[in-house]
């Protein structure tokens, strides 16, 4: 949890999760399954990103930001 590689992987996961959630919310809105405006969709995406970071922190003792993955130090 105290390495640059861990935080790079965690940041990537948070951004990816936020983007997926935003696209899902907007797509479901376009399909009339969900009624969310841009502000609500962005709030969902932000909440998902925070949860992704919290998940990574809770799994930090396992060697990576996810329970089943490990982080390798990047070449310098």
N, C-alpha and C. Protein backbone atom coordinates (compact mmCIF):
# COMPACT_ATOMS: atom_id res chain seq x y z
N UNK A 1 0.83 -1.19 0.00
CA UNK A 1 0.00 0.00 0.00
C UNK A 1 0.87 1.26 0.00
N UNK A 2 2.12 1.13 0.32
CA UNK A 2 2.99 2.29 0.42
C UNK A 2 3.91 2.44 -0.78
N UNK A 3 3.50 1.87 -1.92
CA UNK A 3 4.33 1.96 -3.12
C UNK A 3 3.62 2.76 -4.20
N UNK A 4 4.41 3.32 -5.09
CA UNK A 4 3.86 4.05 -6.22
C UNK A 4 3.07 3.11 -7.13
N UNK A 5 3.54 1.88 -7.29
CA UNK A 5 2.85 0.92 -8.15
C UNK A 5 1.45 0.61 -7.63
N UNK A 6 1.31 0.48 -6.32
CA UNK A 6 0.00 0.22 -5.73
C UNK A 6 -0.96 1.37 -6.03
N UNK A 7 -0.50 2.59 -5.84
CA UNK A 7 -1.37 3.75 -6.05
C UNK A 7 -1.66 3.99 -7.53
N UNK A 8 -0.72 3.64 -8.39
CA UNK A 8 -0.97 3.74 -9.83
C UNK A 8 -2.05 2.76 -10.24
N UNK A 9 -1.96 1.53 -9.74
CA UNK A 9 -2.98 0.51 -10.06
C UNK A 9 -4.32 0.89 -9.45
N UNK A 10 -4.31 1.43 -8.25
CA UNK A 10 -5.55 1.84 -7.59
C UNK A 10 -6.19 3.01 -8.33
N UNK A 11 -5.39 3.98 -8.74
CA UNK A 11 -5.91 5.12 -9.50
C UNK A 11 -6.50 4.68 -10.83
N UNK A 12 -5.81 3.78 -11.50
CA UNK A 12 -6.32 3.26 -12.77
C UNK A 12 -7.66 2.55 -12.57
N UNK A 13 -7.73 1.76 -11.53
CA UNK A 13 -8.97 1.04 -11.24
C UNK A 13 -10.11 2.02 -10.92
N UNK A 14 -9.82 3.06 -10.15
CA UNK A 14 -10.85 4.03 -9.79
C UNK A 14 -11.37 4.78 -11.02
N UNK A 15 -10.46 5.19 -11.90
CA UNK A 15 -10.86 5.90 -13.12
C UNK A 15 -11.67 4.98 -14.03
N UNK A 16 -11.22 3.75 -14.18
CA UNK A 16 -11.94 2.78 -15.02
C UNK A 16 -13.34 2.52 -14.46
N UNK A 17 -13.43 2.36 -13.17
CA UNK A 17 -14.73 2.10 -12.53
C UNK A 17 -15.66 3.30 -12.70
N UNK A 18 -15.13 4.51 -12.52
CA UNK A 18 -15.95 5.71 -12.69
C UNK A 18 -16.46 5.82 -14.13
N UNK A 19 -15.59 5.57 -15.09
CA UNK A 19 -15.99 5.66 -16.50
C UNK A 19 -17.06 4.62 -16.83
N UNK A 20 -16.89 3.41 -16.35
CA UNK A 20 -17.88 2.36 -16.60
C UNK A 20 -19.22 2.71 -15.98
N UNK A 21 -19.20 3.24 -14.78
CA UNK A 21 -20.44 3.60 -14.09
C UNK A 21 -21.13 4.76 -14.79
N UNK A 22 -20.36 5.75 -15.22
CA UNK A 22 -20.93 6.89 -15.93
C UNK A 22 -21.58 6.44 -17.24
N UNK A 23 -20.88 5.62 -18.00
CA UNK A 23 -21.44 5.12 -19.26
C UNK A 23 -22.68 4.27 -19.02
N UNK A 24 -22.67 3.47 -17.98
CA UNK A 24 -23.84 2.64 -17.67
C UNK A 24 -25.03 3.52 -17.29
N UNK A 25 -24.80 4.51 -16.44
CA UNK A 25 -25.90 5.39 -16.01
C UNK A 25 -26.48 6.15 -17.20
N UNK A 26 -25.61 6.68 -18.05
CA UNK A 26 -26.10 7.44 -19.21
C UNK A 26 -26.77 6.51 -20.23
N UNK A 27 -26.23 5.33 -20.40
CA UNK A 27 -26.84 4.36 -21.31
C UNK A 27 -28.20 3.90 -20.84
N UNK A 28 -28.33 3.64 -19.55
CA UNK A 28 -29.62 3.23 -19.00
C UNK A 28 -30.62 4.37 -19.06
N UNK A 29 -30.14 5.60 -18.93
CA UNK A 29 -31.02 6.76 -19.07
C UNK A 29 -31.51 6.87 -20.52
N UNK A 30 -30.62 6.67 -21.46
CA UNK A 30 -31.00 6.76 -22.88
C UNK A 30 -31.99 5.66 -23.25
N UNK A 31 -31.90 4.52 -22.59
CA UNK A 31 -32.80 3.40 -22.87
C UNK A 31 -34.09 3.47 -22.05
N UNK A 32 -34.28 4.56 -21.33
CA UNK A 32 -35.45 4.76 -20.46
C UNK A 32 -35.60 3.70 -19.37
N UNK A 33 -34.48 3.17 -18.92
CA UNK A 33 -34.49 2.23 -17.80
C UNK A 33 -34.25 2.98 -16.50
N UNK A 34 -33.47 4.05 -16.58
CA UNK A 34 -33.10 4.86 -15.43
C UNK A 34 -33.34 6.31 -15.80
N UNK A 35 -33.68 7.12 -14.82
CA UNK A 35 -33.90 8.54 -15.08
C UNK A 35 -32.87 9.34 -14.28
N UNK A 36 -31.67 9.49 -14.87
CA UNK A 36 -30.59 10.20 -14.19
C UNK A 36 -30.08 11.31 -15.09
N UNK A 37 -29.97 12.52 -14.54
CA UNK A 37 -29.37 13.60 -15.31
C UNK A 37 -27.84 13.51 -15.17
N UNK A 38 -27.13 14.44 -15.81
CA UNK A 38 -25.68 14.41 -15.76
C UNK A 38 -25.14 14.49 -14.34
N UNK A 39 -25.73 15.33 -13.51
CA UNK A 39 -25.27 15.46 -12.13
C UNK A 39 -25.41 14.17 -11.35
N UNK A 40 -26.54 13.51 -11.52
CA UNK A 40 -26.75 12.24 -10.83
C UNK A 40 -25.81 11.16 -11.36
N UNK A 41 -25.62 11.14 -12.68
CA UNK A 41 -24.71 10.16 -13.27
C UNK A 41 -23.28 10.37 -12.78
N UNK A 42 -22.86 11.63 -12.69
CA UNK A 42 -21.52 11.92 -12.19
C UNK A 42 -21.39 11.58 -10.71
N UNK A 43 -22.46 11.78 -9.94
CA UNK A 43 -22.44 11.40 -8.52
C UNK A 43 -22.30 9.89 -8.37
N UNK A 44 -23.00 9.15 -9.20
CA UNK A 44 -22.86 7.68 -9.18
C UNK A 44 -21.43 7.28 -9.53
N UNK A 45 -20.87 7.90 -10.56
CA UNK A 45 -19.51 7.57 -10.98
C UNK A 45 -18.49 7.91 -9.89
N UNK A 46 -18.66 9.06 -9.26
CA UNK A 46 -17.76 9.44 -8.18
C UNK A 46 -17.86 8.50 -6.99
N UNK A 47 -19.07 8.10 -6.66
CA UNK A 47 -19.26 7.16 -5.56
C UNK A 47 -18.62 5.81 -5.88
N UNK A 48 -18.76 5.37 -7.11
CA UNK A 48 -18.15 4.11 -7.52
C UNK A 48 -16.63 4.18 -7.44
N UNK A 49 -16.05 5.33 -7.83
CA UNK A 49 -14.60 5.50 -7.76
C UNK A 49 -14.12 5.46 -6.30
N UNK A 50 -14.85 6.12 -5.42
CA UNK A 50 -14.49 6.09 -3.99
C UNK A 50 -14.55 4.66 -3.46
N UNK A 51 -15.58 3.93 -3.84
CA UNK A 51 -15.70 2.54 -3.40
C UNK A 51 -14.57 1.68 -3.96
N UNK A 52 -14.13 1.95 -5.18
CA UNK A 52 -13.01 1.21 -5.76
C UNK A 52 -11.73 1.45 -4.96
N UNK A 53 -11.50 2.70 -4.55
CA UNK A 53 -10.32 3.01 -3.74
C UNK A 53 -10.42 2.34 -2.37
N UNK A 54 -11.59 2.40 -1.75
CA UNK A 54 -11.77 1.76 -0.45
C UNK A 54 -11.59 0.24 -0.54
N UNK A 55 -12.05 -0.35 -1.63
CA UNK A 55 -11.86 -1.79 -1.84
C UNK A 55 -10.37 -2.11 -1.96
N UNK A 56 -9.64 -1.28 -2.70
CA UNK A 56 -8.20 -1.49 -2.84
C UNK A 56 -7.50 -1.38 -1.49
N UNK A 57 -7.90 -0.41 -0.69
CA UNK A 57 -7.28 -0.25 0.63
C UNK A 57 -7.59 -1.43 1.54
N UNK A 58 -8.80 -1.95 1.45
CA UNK A 58 -9.15 -3.08 2.31
C UNK A 58 -8.44 -4.35 1.89
N UNK A 59 -8.06 -4.45 0.62
CA UNK A 59 -7.36 -5.63 0.13
C UNK A 59 -5.85 -5.41 0.06
N UNK A 60 -5.36 -4.32 0.61
CA UNK A 60 -3.95 -3.95 0.48
C UNK A 60 -3.01 -5.00 1.05
N UNK A 61 -3.39 -5.72 2.04
CA UNK A 61 -2.53 -6.72 2.65
C UNK A 61 -2.35 -7.96 1.80
N UNK A 62 -3.05 -8.05 0.67
CA UNK A 62 -2.97 -9.24 -0.16
C UNK A 62 -1.94 -9.13 -1.27
N UNK A 63 -1.28 -7.98 -1.39
CA UNK A 63 -0.24 -7.81 -2.38
C UNK A 63 -0.60 -6.92 -3.54
N UNK A 64 -1.82 -6.46 -3.59
CA UNK A 64 -2.24 -5.60 -4.69
C UNK A 64 -3.54 -4.92 -4.36
N UNK A 65 -4.05 -4.10 -5.29
CA UNK A 65 -5.31 -3.40 -5.03
C UNK A 65 -6.52 -4.30 -5.12
N UNK A 66 -6.35 -5.51 -5.61
CA UNK A 66 -7.43 -6.48 -5.67
C UNK A 66 -7.02 -7.74 -4.96
N UNK A 67 -7.97 -8.51 -4.54
CA UNK A 67 -7.66 -9.72 -3.76
C UNK A 67 -6.90 -10.74 -4.60
N UNK A 68 -7.18 -10.80 -5.90
CA UNK A 68 -6.56 -11.83 -6.73
C UNK A 68 -5.42 -11.32 -7.59
N UNK A 69 -4.95 -10.10 -7.37
CA UNK A 69 -3.89 -9.57 -8.21
C UNK A 69 -2.73 -9.05 -7.37
N UNK A 70 -1.59 -8.96 -8.00
CA UNK A 70 -0.40 -8.42 -7.34
C UNK A 70 0.11 -7.24 -8.16
N UNK A 71 0.85 -6.38 -7.52
CA UNK A 71 1.41 -5.20 -8.17
C UNK A 71 2.91 -5.42 -8.34
N UNK A 72 3.38 -5.22 -9.57
CA UNK A 72 4.81 -5.30 -9.82
C UNK A 72 5.38 -3.91 -9.84
N UNK A 73 6.57 -3.76 -9.33
CA UNK A 73 7.24 -2.46 -9.41
C UNK A 73 7.56 -2.16 -10.86
N UNK A 74 7.30 -0.96 -11.29
CA UNK A 74 7.57 -0.57 -12.67
C UNK A 74 9.05 -0.33 -12.87
N UNK A 75 9.48 -0.57 -14.09
CA UNK A 75 10.88 -0.29 -14.41
C UNK A 75 11.14 1.20 -14.29
N UNK A 76 12.27 1.54 -13.76
CA UNK A 76 12.62 2.95 -13.57
C UNK A 76 13.48 3.43 -14.70
